[in-house]
């Protein structure tokens, strides 16, 4: 993380979405649940959208996630990214 310029809601939301839950030692709920990666693909899409929405609602109330999706990069290797549109509230 950079030393300054990272307080914008979009940057904070992106940082939260890139974290895996349990990664922060004193806040084990921060981030996205890592168990979603082991869920069946059909169920994982809904779980990711739910988890991103909850994480942003709890940790970054200035931002809201819309159109959250899993973007599959390589099915064989299991590589994926979370894509979402971040909307900043008033």
Protein backbone atom coordinates (compact mmCIF):
# COMPACT_ATOMS: atom_id res chain seq x y z
CA UNK A 1 0.00 0.00 0.00
CA UNK A 2 1.26 3.48 -0.75
CA UNK A 3 2.05 5.93 2.07
CA UNK A 4 -0.44 8.58 0.94
CA UNK A 5 -3.24 9.04 -1.57
CA UNK A 6 -5.00 5.81 -0.64
CA UNK A 7 -7.97 7.20 1.31
CA UNK A 8 -10.39 7.41 -1.61
CA UNK A 9 -13.39 5.06 -1.36
CA UNK A 10 -12.53 3.33 -4.64
CA UNK A 11 -8.96 2.58 -3.52
CA UNK A 12 -10.10 1.37 -0.08
CA UNK A 13 -12.74 -0.87 -1.68
CA UNK A 14 -10.19 -2.32 -4.12
CA UNK A 15 -7.81 -3.06 -1.26
CA UNK A 16 -10.56 -4.82 0.71
CA UNK A 17 -11.57 -6.94 -2.29
CA UNK A 18 -7.96 -8.00 -2.89
CA UNK A 19 -7.52 -9.22 0.70
CA UNK A 20 -8.29 -12.79 1.74
CA UNK A 21 -10.26 -13.12 4.95
CA UNK A 22 -7.92 -14.00 7.82
CA UNK A 23 -4.96 -12.19 6.27
CA UNK A 24 -5.14 -9.28 8.73
CA UNK A 25 -3.99 -10.66 12.12
CA UNK A 26 -6.15 -8.48 14.39
CA UNK A 27 -9.21 -8.33 12.17
CA UNK A 28 -9.94 -11.83 10.89
CA UNK A 29 -13.18 -10.83 9.10
CA UNK A 30 -11.61 -8.22 6.81
CA UNK A 31 -11.39 -9.31 3.16
CA UNK A 32 -13.05 -11.90 0.93
CA UNK A 33 -13.65 -15.46 2.08
CA UNK A 34 -10.97 -17.78 0.70
CA UNK A 35 -13.30 -20.80 0.85
CA UNK A 36 -15.15 -19.44 -2.18
CA UNK A 37 -12.25 -20.61 -4.34
CA UNK A 38 -13.12 -24.22 -3.46
CA UNK A 39 -16.86 -23.82 -4.08
CA UNK A 40 -18.42 -25.18 -7.28
CA UNK A 41 -18.31 -22.59 -10.05
CA UNK A 42 -22.09 -22.32 -10.26
CA UNK A 43 -22.37 -21.40 -6.58
CA UNK A 44 -19.21 -19.32 -6.39
CA UNK A 45 -20.59 -16.50 -8.52
CA UNK A 46 -23.38 -15.74 -6.04
CA UNK A 47 -21.12 -16.19 -3.03
CA UNK A 48 -18.57 -13.70 -4.34
CA UNK A 49 -21.20 -11.05 -5.02
CA UNK A 50 -22.66 -11.53 -1.53
CA UNK A 51 -19.27 -11.45 0.16
CA UNK A 52 -18.04 -8.36 -1.69
CA UNK A 53 -21.27 -6.55 -0.86
CA UNK A 54 -21.05 -7.48 2.83
CA UNK A 55 -17.36 -6.57 3.10
CA UNK A 56 -17.86 -3.14 1.57
CA UNK A 57 -20.99 -2.48 3.60
CA UNK A 58 -19.17 -3.32 6.84
CA UNK A 59 -15.68 -1.91 6.19
CA UNK A 60 -16.20 0.80 3.55
CA UNK A 61 -19.69 2.32 3.90
CA UNK A 62 -18.79 5.14 1.47
CA UNK A 63 -18.70 2.64 -1.42
CA UNK A 64 -21.20 0.17 -2.84
CA UNK A 65 -20.46 -2.76 -5.14
CA UNK A 66 -22.54 -3.27 -8.27
CA UNK A 67 -22.23 -5.85 -11.05
CA UNK A 68 -19.82 -8.08 -9.14
CA UNK A 69 -18.58 -11.07 -11.14
CA UNK A 70 -15.85 -13.65 -11.25
CA UNK A 71 -13.61 -13.14 -14.25
CA UNK A 72 -12.08 -16.49 -15.20
CA UNK A 73 -8.57 -16.14 -16.62
CA UNK A 74 -7.46 -19.77 -16.81
CA UNK A 75 -9.85 -22.60 -15.97
CA UNK A 76 -7.18 -25.30 -15.88
CA UNK A 77 -4.93 -23.41 -13.46
CA UNK A 78 -7.85 -22.02 -11.45
CA UNK A 79 -6.94 -18.38 -12.02
CA UNK A 80 -9.70 -15.82 -11.60
CA UNK A 81 -10.23 -12.20 -10.63
CA UNK A 82 -13.12 -10.42 -8.98
CA UNK A 83 -14.57 -7.69 -11.16
CA UNK A 84 -16.97 -5.11 -9.74
CA UNK A 85 -18.18 -1.56 -10.29
CA UNK A 86 -17.69 0.61 -7.23
CA UNK A 87 -20.28 3.35 -6.72
CA UNK A 88 -19.49 6.07 -4.21
CA UNK A 89 -22.42 7.33 -2.12
CA UNK A 90 -23.03 10.75 -0.72
